[in-house]
Amino acid sequence: KGRFAISRDGAKTTVSLQMNSLKPEDTAVYYCKLH
């Protein structure tokens, strides 16, 4: 919180994750999910 920002496009079928001020503990495989 405060470092990452999630957003969707107009069609709401694409999602983005803007990641700022990255830390070593952010290292991981990132998965997209649709519910």
PDB file of all heavy atoms in Angstrom:
ATOM      1  N   LYS A   1       0.830  -1.197   0.000  1.00  0.00           N
ATOM      2  CA  LYS A   1       0.000   0.000   0.000  1.00  0.00           C
ATOM      3  C   LYS A   1       0.869   1.253   0.000  1.00  0.00           C
ATOM      4  O   LYS A   1       1.804   1.374   0.781  1.00  0.00           O
ATOM      5  CB  LYS A   1      -0.932  -0.007   1.208  1.00  0.00           C
ATOM      6  CG  LYS A   1      -2.129   0.919   1.074  1.00  0.00           C
ATOM      7  CD  LYS A   1      -3.178   0.626   2.138  1.00  0.00           C
ATOM      8  CE  LYS A   1      -4.447   1.407   1.894  1.00  0.00           C
ATOM      9  NZ  LYS A   1      -5.505   1.063   2.875  1.00  0.00           N
ATOM     10  N   GLY A   2       0.549   2.171  -0.901  1.00  0.00           N
ATOM     11  CA  GLY A   2       1.323   3.384  -1.043  1.00  0.00           C
ATOM     12  C   GLY A   2       2.431   3.282  -2.062  1.00  0.00           C
ATOM     13  O   GLY A   2       2.978   4.315  -2.482  1.00  0.00           O
ATOM     14  N   ARG A   3       2.787   2.071  -2.461  1.00  0.00           N
ATOM     15  CA  ARG A   3       3.837   1.857  -3.449  1.00  0.00           C
ATOM     16  C   ARG A   3       3.306   1.312  -4.763  1.00  0.00           C
ATOM     17  O   ARG A   3       3.832   1.634  -5.827  1.00  0.00           O
ATOM     18  CB  ARG A   3       4.906   0.901  -2.907  1.00  0.00           C
ATOM     19  CG  ARG A   3       5.605   1.394  -1.653  1.00  0.00           C
ATOM     20  CD  ARG A   3       6.779   0.491  -1.279  1.00  0.00           C
ATOM     21  NE  ARG A   3       6.344  -0.875  -0.964  1.00  0.00           N
ATOM     22  CZ  ARG A   3       6.742  -1.965  -1.624  1.00  0.00           C
ATOM     23  NH1 ARG A   3       7.584  -1.851  -2.645  1.00  0.00           N
ATOM     24  NH2 ARG A   3       6.301  -3.163  -1.270  1.00  0.00           N
ATOM     25  N   PHE A   4       2.284   0.467  -4.694  1.00  0.00           N
ATOM     26  CA  PHE A   4       1.708  -0.154  -5.881  1.00  0.00           C
ATOM     27  C   PHE A   4       0.354   0.462  -6.190  1.00  0.00           C
ATOM     28  O   PHE A   4      -0.355   0.922  -5.288  1.00  0.00           O
ATOM     29  CB  PHE A   4       1.524  -1.657  -5.680  1.00  0.00           C
ATOM     30  CG  PHE A   4       2.799  -2.454  -5.582  1.00  0.00           C
ATOM     31  CD1 PHE A   4       4.033  -1.840  -5.498  1.00  0.00           C
ATOM     32  CD2 PHE A   4       2.747  -3.838  -5.574  1.00  0.00           C
ATOM     33  CE1 PHE A   4       5.203  -2.571  -5.400  1.00  0.00           C
ATOM     34  CE2 PHE A   4       3.903  -4.592  -5.480  1.00  0.00           C
ATOM     35  CZ  PHE A   4       5.134  -3.957  -5.392  1.00  0.00           C
ATOM     36  N   ALA A   5      -0.024   0.450  -7.459  1.00  0.00           N
ATOM     37  CA  ALA A   5      -1.333   0.932  -7.877  1.00  0.00           C
ATOM     38  C   ALA A   5      -1.893   0.023  -8.958  1.00  0.00           C
ATOM     39  O   ALA A   5      -1.221  -0.248  -9.955  1.00  0.00           O
ATOM     40  CB  ALA A   5      -1.246   2.365  -8.387  1.00  0.00           C
ATOM     41  N   ILE A   6      -3.116  -0.451  -8.759  1.00  0.00           N
ATOM     42  CA  ILE A   6      -3.768  -1.321  -9.717  1.00  0.00           C
ATOM     43  C   ILE A   6      -4.801  -0.526 -10.501  1.00  0.00           C
ATOM     44  O   ILE A   6      -5.432   0.391  -9.964  1.00  0.00           O
ATOM     45  CB  ILE A   6      -4.424  -2.531  -9.002  1.00  0.00           C
ATOM     46  CG1 ILE A   6      -4.907  -3.569 -10.014  1.00  0.00           C
ATOM     47  CG2 ILE A   6      -5.559  -2.082  -8.090  1.00  0.00           C
ATOM     48  CD1 ILE A   6      -5.356  -4.882  -9.371  1.00  0.00           C
ATOM     49  N   SER A   7      -4.970  -0.861 -11.783  1.00  0.00           N
ATOM     50  CA  SER A   7      -5.922  -0.155 -12.626  1.00  0.00           C
ATOM     51  C   SER A   7      -6.456  -1.082 -13.704  1.00  0.00           C
ATOM     52  O   SER A   7      -5.863  -2.123 -13.982  1.00  0.00           O
ATOM     53  CB  SER A   7      -5.279   1.083 -13.264  1.00  0.00           C
ATOM     54  OG  SER A   7      -4.190   0.717 -14.094  1.00  0.00           O
ATOM     55  N   ARG A   8      -7.582  -0.694 -14.311  1.00  0.00           N
ATOM     56  CA  ARG A   8      -8.194  -1.449 -15.401  1.00  0.00           C
ATOM     57  C   ARG A   8      -8.431  -0.528 -16.583  1.00  0.00           C
ATOM     58  O   ARG A   8      -8.577   0.683 -16.434  1.00  0.00           O
ATOM     59  CB  ARG A   8      -9.515  -2.079 -14.956  1.00  0.00           C
ATOM     60  CG  ARG A   8      -9.401  -3.023 -13.786  1.00  0.00           C
ATOM     61  CD  ARG A   8     -10.739  -3.628 -13.409  1.00  0.00           C
ATOM     62  NE  ARG A   8     -11.165  -4.639 -14.371  1.00  0.00           N
ATOM     63  CZ  ARG A   8     -11.989  -5.649 -14.083  1.00  0.00           C
ATOM     64  NH1 ARG A   8     -12.477  -5.778 -12.852  1.00  0.00           N
ATOM     65  NH2 ARG A   8     -12.338  -6.513 -15.029  1.00  0.00           N
ATOM     66  N   ASP A   9      -8.487  -1.121 -17.778  1.00  0.00           N
ATOM     67  CA  ASP A   9      -8.775  -0.345 -18.966  1.00  0.00           C
ATOM     68  C   ASP A   9     -10.280  -0.119 -19.080  1.00  0.00           C
ATOM     69  O   ASP A   9     -11.067  -0.589 -18.263  1.00  0.00           O
ATOM     70  CB  ASP A   9      -8.213  -1.024 -20.214  1.00  0.00           C
ATOM     71  CG  ASP A   9      -8.950  -2.303 -20.578  1.00  0.00           C
ATOM     72  OD1 ASP A   9      -9.770  -2.798 -19.761  1.00  0.00           O
ATOM     73  OD2 ASP A   9      -8.715  -2.822 -21.679  1.00  0.00           O
ATOM     74  N   GLY A  10     -10.693   0.594 -20.136  1.00  0.00           N
ATOM     75  CA  GLY A  10     -12.103   0.913 -20.316  1.00  0.00           C
ATOM     76  C   GLY A  10     -12.988  -0.299 -20.490  1.00  0.00           C
ATOM     77  O   GLY A  10     -14.126  -0.325 -20.004  1.00  0.00           O
ATOM     78  N   ALA A  11     -12.482  -1.316 -21.176  1.00  0.00           N
ATOM     79  CA  ALA A  11     -13.244  -2.542 -21.397  1.00  0.00           C
ATOM     80  C   ALA A  11     -13.244  -3.446 -20.171  1.00  0.00           C
ATOM     81  O   ALA A  11     -13.980  -4.424 -20.136  1.00  0.00           O
ATOM     82  CB  ALA A  11     -12.695  -3.298 -22.603  1.00  0.00           C
ATOM     83  N   LYS A  12     -12.414  -3.136 -19.201  1.00  0.00           N
ATOM     84  CA  LYS A  12     -12.304  -3.885 -17.948  1.00  0.00           C
ATOM     85  C   LYS A  12     -11.871  -5.324 -18.154  1.00  0.00           C
ATOM     86  O   LYS A  12     -12.219  -6.203 -17.377  1.00  0.00           O
ATOM     87  CB  LYS A  12     -13.612  -3.803 -17.152  1.00  0.00           C
ATOM     88  CG  LYS A  12     -14.011  -2.394 -16.756  1.00  0.00           C
ATOM     89  CD  LYS A  12     -15.313  -2.370 -15.992  1.00  0.00           C
ATOM     90  CE  LYS A  12     -15.637  -0.967 -15.499  1.00  0.00           C
ATOM     91  NZ  LYS A  12     -15.805  -0.017 -16.615  1.00  0.00           N
ATOM     92  N   THR A  13     -11.108  -5.554 -19.200  1.00  0.00           N
ATOM     93  CA  THR A  13     -10.564  -6.879 -19.472  1.00  0.00           C
ATOM     94  C   THR A  13      -9.046  -6.891 -19.406  1.00  0.00           C
ATOM     95  O   THR A  13      -8.428  -7.922 -19.652  1.00  0.00           O
ATOM     96  CB  THR A  13     -11.019  -7.390 -20.844  1.00  0.00           C
ATOM     97  OG1 THR A  13     -10.684  -6.435 -21.852  1.00  0.00           O
ATOM     98  CG2 THR A  13     -12.536  -7.621 -20.853  1.00  0.00           C
ATOM     99  N   THR A  14      -8.457  -5.765 -19.085  1.00  0.00           N
ATOM    100  CA  THR A  14      -7.025  -5.660 -18.907  1.00  0.00           C
ATOM    101  C   THR A  14      -6.739  -4.979 -17.580  1.00  0.00           C
ATOM    102  O   THR A  14      -7.347  -3.955 -17.262  1.00  0.00           O
ATOM    103  CB  THR A  14      -6.363  -4.868 -20.049  1.00  0.00           C
ATOM    104  OG1 THR A  14      -6.609  -5.506 -21.299  1.00  0.00           O
ATOM    105  CG2 THR A  14      -4.862  -4.768 -19.829  1.00  0.00           C
ATOM    106  N   VAL A  15      -5.839  -5.542 -16.819  1.00  0.00           N
ATOM    107  CA  VAL A  15      -5.482  -4.971 -15.529  1.00  0.00           C
ATOM    108  C   VAL A  15      -3.978  -4.742 -15.490  1.00  0.00           C
ATOM    109  O   VAL A  15      -3.204  -5.544 -16.012  1.00  0.00           O
ATOM    110  CB  VAL A  15      -5.936  -5.884 -14.363  1.00  0.00           C
ATOM    111  CG1 VAL A  15      -5.232  -7.233 -14.421  1.00  0.00           C
ATOM    112  CG2 VAL A  15      -5.699  -5.212 -13.024  1.00  0.00           C
ATOM    113  N   SER A  16      -3.583  -3.624 -14.889  1.00  0.00           N
ATOM    114  CA  SER A  16      -2.177  -3.279 -14.770  1.00  0.00           C
ATOM    115  C   SER A  16      -1.815  -3.087 -13.310  1.00  0.00           C
ATOM    116  O   SER A  16      -2.668  -2.780 -12.475  1.00  0.00           O
ATOM    117  CB  SER A  16      -1.860  -2.008 -15.556  1.00  0.00           C
ATOM    118  OG  SER A  16      -2.094  -2.183 -16.938  1.00  0.00           O
ATOM    119  N   LEU A  17      -0.550  -3.274 -13.016  1.00  0.00           N
ATOM    120  CA  LEU A  17      -0.030  -3.051 -11.672  1.00  0.00           C
ATOM    121  C   LEU A  17       1.228  -2.209 -11.785  1.00  0.00           C
ATOM    122  O   LEU A  17       2.254  -2.690 -12.265  1.00  0.00           O
ATOM    123  CB  LEU A  17       0.278  -4.367 -10.970  1.00  0.00           C
ATOM    124  CG  LEU A  17       0.743  -4.249  -9.521  1.00  0.00           C
ATOM    125  CD1 LEU A  17      -0.410  -3.776  -8.637  1.00  0.00           C
ATOM    126  CD2 LEU A  17       1.292  -5.575  -9.019  1.00  0.00           C
ATOM    127  N   GLN A  18       1.125  -0.957 -11.374  1.00  0.00           N
ATOM    128  CA  GLN A  18       2.276  -0.065 -11.340  1.00  0.00           C
ATOM    129  C   GLN A  18       2.980  -0.254 -10.008  1.00  0.00           C
ATOM    130  O   GLN A  18       2.385  -0.057  -8.942  1.00  0.00           O
ATOM    131  CB  GLN A  18       1.848   1.391 -11.518  1.00  0.00           C
ATOM    132  CG  GLN A  18       2.983   2.394 -11.427  1.00  0.00           C
ATOM    133  CD  GLN A  18       3.988   2.245 -12.549  1.00  0.00           C
ATOM    134  OE1 GLN A  18       5.192   2.231 -12.319  1.00  0.00           O
ATOM    135  NE2 GLN A  18       3.506   2.117 -13.771  1.00  0.00           N
ATOM    136  N   MET A  19       4.237  -0.651 -10.057  1.00  0.00           N
ATOM    137  CA  MET A  19       5.010  -0.940  -8.856  1.00  0.00           C
ATOM    138  C   MET A  19       6.146   0.069  -8.737  1.00  0.00           C
ATOM    139  O   MET A  19       7.023   0.122  -9.596  1.00  0.00           O
ATOM    140  CB  MET A  19       5.562  -2.362  -8.893  1.00  0.00           C
ATOM    141  CG  MET A  19       4.498  -3.433  -9.088  1.00  0.00           C
ATOM    142  SD  MET A  19       5.163  -5.115  -8.992  1.00  0.00           S
ATOM    143  CE  MET A  19       6.192  -5.118 -10.460  1.00  0.00           C
ATOM    144  N   ASN A  20       6.120   0.853  -7.684  1.00  0.00           N
ATOM    145  CA  ASN A  20       7.143   1.850  -7.423  1.00  0.00           C
ATOM    146  C   ASN A  20       7.872   1.526  -6.124  1.00  0.00           C
ATOM    147  O   ASN A  20       7.388   0.765  -5.293  1.00  0.00           O
ATOM    148  CB  ASN A  20       6.531   3.250  -7.336  1.00  0.00           C
ATOM    149  CG  ASN A  20       5.800   3.667  -8.592  1.00  0.00           C
ATOM    150  OD1 ASN A  20       4.682   4.186  -8.535  1.00  0.00           O
ATOM    151  ND2 ASN A  20       6.425   3.450  -9.742  1.00  0.00           N
ATOM    152  N   SER A  21       9.041   2.127  -5.962  1.00  0.00           N
ATOM    153  CA  SER A  21       9.838   1.940  -4.751  1.00  0.00           C
ATOM    154  C   SER A  21       9.997   0.465  -4.412  1.00  0.00           C
ATOM    155  O   SER A  21       9.788   0.039  -3.275  1.00  0.00           O
ATOM    156  CB  SER A  21       9.208   2.696  -3.577  1.00  0.00           C
ATOM    157  OG  SER A  21       9.095   4.077  -3.860  1.00  0.00           O
ATOM    158  N   LEU A  22      10.374  -0.310  -5.402  1.00  0.00           N
ATOM    159  CA  LEU A  22      10.467  -1.754  -5.234  1.00  0.00           C
ATOM    160  C   LEU A  22      11.542  -2.136  -4.226  1.00  0.00           C
ATOM    161  O   LEU A  22      12.590  -1.501  -4.137  1.00  0.00           O
ATOM    162  CB  LEU A  22      10.731  -2.429  -6.570  1.00  0.00           C
ATOM    163  CG  LEU A  22       9.506  -2.519  -7.486  1.00  0.00           C
ATOM    164  CD1 LEU A  22       9.921  -2.801  -8.920  1.00  0.00           C
ATOM    165  CD2 LEU A  22       8.558  -3.603  -6.976  1.00  0.00           C
ATOM    166  N   LYS A  23      11.261  -3.187  -3.476  1.00  0.00           N
ATOM    167  CA  LYS A  23      12.157  -3.715  -2.464  1.00  0.00           C
ATOM    168  C   LYS A  23      12.526  -5.154  -2.801  1.00  0.00           C
ATOM    169  O   LYS A  23      11.778  -5.837  -3.499  1.00  0.00           O
ATOM    170  CB  LYS A  23      11.477  -3.673  -1.087  1.00  0.00           C
ATOM    171  CG  LYS A  23      10.965  -2.310  -0.679  1.00  0.00           C
ATOM    172  CD  LYS A  23      10.177  -2.402   0.624  1.00  0.00           C
ATOM    173  CE  LYS A  23       9.635  -1.054   1.036  1.00  0.00           C
ATOM    174  NZ  LYS A  23       8.847  -1.144   2.293  1.00  0.00           N
ATOM    175  N   PRO A  24      13.670  -5.637  -2.308  1.00  0.00           N
ATOM    176  CA  PRO A  24      14.040  -7.032  -2.568  1.00  0.00           C
ATOM    177  C   PRO A  24      12.960  -8.021  -2.151  1.00  0.00           C
ATOM    178  O   PRO A  24      12.793  -9.056  -2.810  1.00  0.00           O
ATOM    179  CB  PRO A  24      15.317  -7.213  -1.738  1.00  0.00           C
ATOM    180  CG  PRO A  24      15.922  -5.854  -1.707  1.00  0.00           C
ATOM    181  CD  PRO A  24      14.740  -4.902  -1.614  1.00  0.00           C
ATOM    182  N   GLU A  25      12.228  -7.719  -1.094  1.00  0.00           N
ATOM    183  CA  GLU A  25      11.172  -8.618  -0.648  1.00  0.00           C
ATOM    184  C   GLU A  25       9.973  -8.664  -1.586  1.00  0.00           C
ATOM    185  O   GLU A  25       9.070  -9.477  -1.393  1.00  0.00           O
ATOM    186  CB  GLU A  25      10.709  -8.258   0.777  1.00  0.00           C
ATOM    187  CG  GLU A  25      10.380  -6.789   0.952  1.00  0.00           C
ATOM    188  CD  GLU A  25      11.530  -6.008   1.567  1.00  0.00           C
ATOM    189  OE1 GLU A  25      12.676  -6.192   1.120  1.00  0.00           O
ATOM    190  OE2 GLU A  25      11.283  -5.212   2.502  1.00  0.00           O
ATOM    191  N   ASP A  26       9.948  -7.802  -2.596  1.00  0.00           N
ATOM    192  CA  ASP A  26       8.913  -7.862  -3.618  1.00  0.00           C
ATOM    193  C   ASP A  26       9.208  -8.924  -4.669  1.00  0.00           C
ATOM    194  O   ASP A  26       8.365  -9.193  -5.526  1.00  0.00           O
ATOM    195  CB  ASP A  26       8.748  -6.501  -4.308  1.00  0.00           C
ATOM    196  CG  ASP A  26       8.216  -5.424  -3.376  1.00  0.00           C
ATOM    197  OD1 ASP A  26       7.317  -5.722  -2.564  1.00  0.00           O
ATOM    198  OD2 ASP A  26       8.698  -4.281  -3.470  1.00  0.00           O
ATOM    199  N   THR A  27      10.392  -9.501  -4.621  1.00  0.00           N
ATOM    200  CA  THR A  27      10.775 -10.525  -5.584  1.00  0.00           C
ATOM    201  C   THR A  27       9.841 -11.721  -5.489  1.00  0.00           C
ATOM    202  O   THR A  27       9.672 -12.309  -4.417  1.00  0.00           O
ATOM    203  CB  THR A  27      12.224 -10.974  -5.358  1.00  0.00           C
ATOM    204  OG1 THR A  27      13.108  -9.872  -5.593  1.00  0.00           O
ATOM    205  CG2 THR A  27      12.589 -12.118  -6.292  1.00  0.00           C
ATOM    206  N   ALA A  28       9.230 -12.083  -6.606  1.00  0.00           N
ATOM    207  CA  ALA A  28       8.277 -13.184  -6.635  1.00  0.00           C
ATOM    208  C   ALA A  28       7.779 -13.377  -8.055  1.00  0.00           C
ATOM    209  O   ALA A  28       8.036 -12.554  -8.936  1.00  0.00           O
ATOM    210  CB  ALA A  28       7.089 -12.904  -5.706  1.00  0.00           C
ATOM    211  N   VAL A  29       7.065 -14.468  -8.264  1.00  0.00           N
ATOM    212  CA  VAL A  29       6.304 -14.636  -9.486  1.00  0.00           C
ATOM    213  C   VAL A  29       4.947 -13.999  -9.254  1.00  0.00           C
ATOM    214  O   VAL A  29       4.255 -14.331  -8.284  1.00  0.00           O
ATOM    215  CB  VAL A  29       6.142 -16.118  -9.876  1.00  0.00           C
ATOM    216  CG1 VAL A  29       5.252 -16.261 -11.106  1.00  0.00           C
ATOM    217  CG2 VAL A  29       7.504 -16.745 -10.143  1.00  0.00           C
ATOM    218  N   TYR A  30       4.567 -13.084 -10.116  1.00  0.00           N
ATOM    219  CA  TYR A  30       3.309 -12.375  -9.992  1.00  0.00           C
ATOM    220  C   TYR A  30       2.278 -12.987 -10.927  1.00  0.00           C
ATOM    221  O   TYR A  30       2.529 -13.163 -12.121  1.00  0.00           O
ATOM    222  CB  TYR A  30       3.496 -10.888 -10.307  1.00  0.00           C
ATOM    223  CG  TYR A  30       4.171 -10.136  -9.187  1.00  0.00           C
ATOM    224  CD1 TYR A  30       5.511 -10.356  -8.889  1.00  0.00           C
ATOM    225  CD2 TYR A  30       3.462  -9.219  -8.409  1.00  0.00           C
ATOM    226  CE1 TYR A  30       6.133  -9.696  -7.848  1.00  0.00           C
ATOM    227  CE2 TYR A  30       4.075  -8.547  -7.374  1.00  0.00           C
ATOM    228  CZ  TYR A  30       5.406  -8.787  -7.097  1.00  0.00           C
ATOM    229  OH  TYR A  30       6.016  -8.120  -6.062  1.00  0.00           O
ATOM    230  N   TYR A  31       1.114 -13.303 -10.361  1.00  0.00           N
ATOM    231  CA  TYR A  31       0.046 -13.954 -11.103  1.00  0.00           C
ATOM    232  C   TYR A  31      -1.171 -13.047 -11.219  1.00  0.00           C
ATOM    233  O   TYR A  31      -1.564 -12.396 -10.253  1.00  0.00           O
ATOM    234  CB  TYR A  31      -0.388 -15.250 -10.412  1.00  0.00           C
ATOM    235  CG  TYR A  31       0.680 -16.308 -10.340  1.00  0.00           C
ATOM    236  CD1 TYR A  31       1.548 -16.375  -9.256  1.00  0.00           C
ATOM    237  CD2 TYR A  31       0.824 -17.246 -11.359  1.00  0.00           C
ATOM    238  CE1 TYR A  31       2.524 -17.347  -9.180  1.00  0.00           C
ATOM    239  CE2 TYR A  31       1.801 -18.223 -11.288  1.00  0.00           C
ATOM    240  CZ  TYR A  31       2.644 -18.267 -10.192  1.00  0.00           C
ATOM    241  OH  TYR A  31       3.609 -19.240 -10.121  1.00  0.00           O
ATOM    242  N   CYS A  32      -1.767 -13.043 -12.389  1.00  0.00           N
ATOM    243  CA  CYS A  32      -3.018 -12.335 -12.618  1.00  0.00           C
ATOM    244  C   CYS A  32      -4.183 -13.286 -12.356  1.00  0.00           C
ATOM    245  O   CYS A  32      -4.123 -14.470 -12.698  1.00  0.00           O
ATOM    246  CB  CYS A  32      -3.071 -11.822 -14.053  1.00  0.00           C
ATOM    247  SG  CYS A  32      -4.584 -10.943 -14.486  1.00  0.00           S
ATOM    248  N   LYS A  33      -5.237 -12.762 -11.745  1.00  0.00           N
ATOM    249  CA  LYS A  33      -6.420 -13.558 -11.433  1.00  0.00           C
ATOM    250  C   LYS A  33      -7.689 -12.831 -11.862  1.00  0.00           C
ATOM    251  O   LYS A  33      -7.804 -11.621 -11.704  1.00  0.00           O
ATOM    252  CB  LYS A  33      -6.479 -13.851  -9.933  1.00  0.00           C
ATOM    253  CG  LYS A  33      -7.742 -14.572  -9.478  1.00  0.00           C
ATOM    254  CD  LYS A  33      -7.799 -14.648  -7.968  1.00  0.00           C
ATOM    255  CE  LYS A  33      -9.107 -15.228  -7.478  1.00  0.00           C
ATOM    256  NZ  LYS A  33      -9.179 -15.256  -6.002  1.00  0.00           N
ATOM    257  N   LEU A  34      -8.630 -13.579 -12.403  1.00  0.00           N
ATOM    258  CA  LEU A  34      -9.955 -13.070 -12.700  1.00  0.00           C
ATOM    259  C   LEU A  34     -10.971 -13.931 -11.968  1.00  0.00           C
ATOM    260  O   LEU A  34     -10.974 -15.156 -12.117  1.00  0.00           O
ATOM    261  CB  LEU A  34     -10.237 -13.073 -14.206  1.00  0.00           C
ATOM    262  CG  LEU A  34     -11.570 -12.463 -14.662  1.00  0.00           C
ATOM    263  CD1 LEU A  34     -11.434 -11.891 -16.076  1.00  0.00           C
ATOM    264  CD2 LEU A  34     -12.704 -13.488 -14.635  1.00  0.00           C
ATOM    265  N   HIS A  35     -11.818 -13.294 -11.164  1.00  0.00           N
ATOM    266  CA  HIS A  35     -12.877 -13.987 -10.437  1.00  0.00           C
ATOM    267  C   HIS A  35     -14.211 -13.589 -11.053  1.00  0.00           C
ATOM    268  O   HIS A  35     -14.599 -12.419 -10.989  1.00  0.00           O
ATOM    269  CB  HIS A  35     -12.845 -13.633  -8.959  1.00  0.00           C
ATOM    270  CG  HIS A  35     -13.999 -14.191  -8.190  1.00  0.00           C
ATOM    271  ND1 HIS A  35     -14.166 -15.539  -7.981  1.00  0.00           N
ATOM    272  CD2 HIS A  35     -15.058 -13.579  -7.601  1.00  0.00           C
ATOM    273  CE1 HIS A  35     -15.269 -15.741  -7.284  1.00  0.00           C
ATOM    274  NE2 HIS A  35     -15.825 -14.571  -7.042  1.00  0.00           N
TER     275      HIS A  35
END
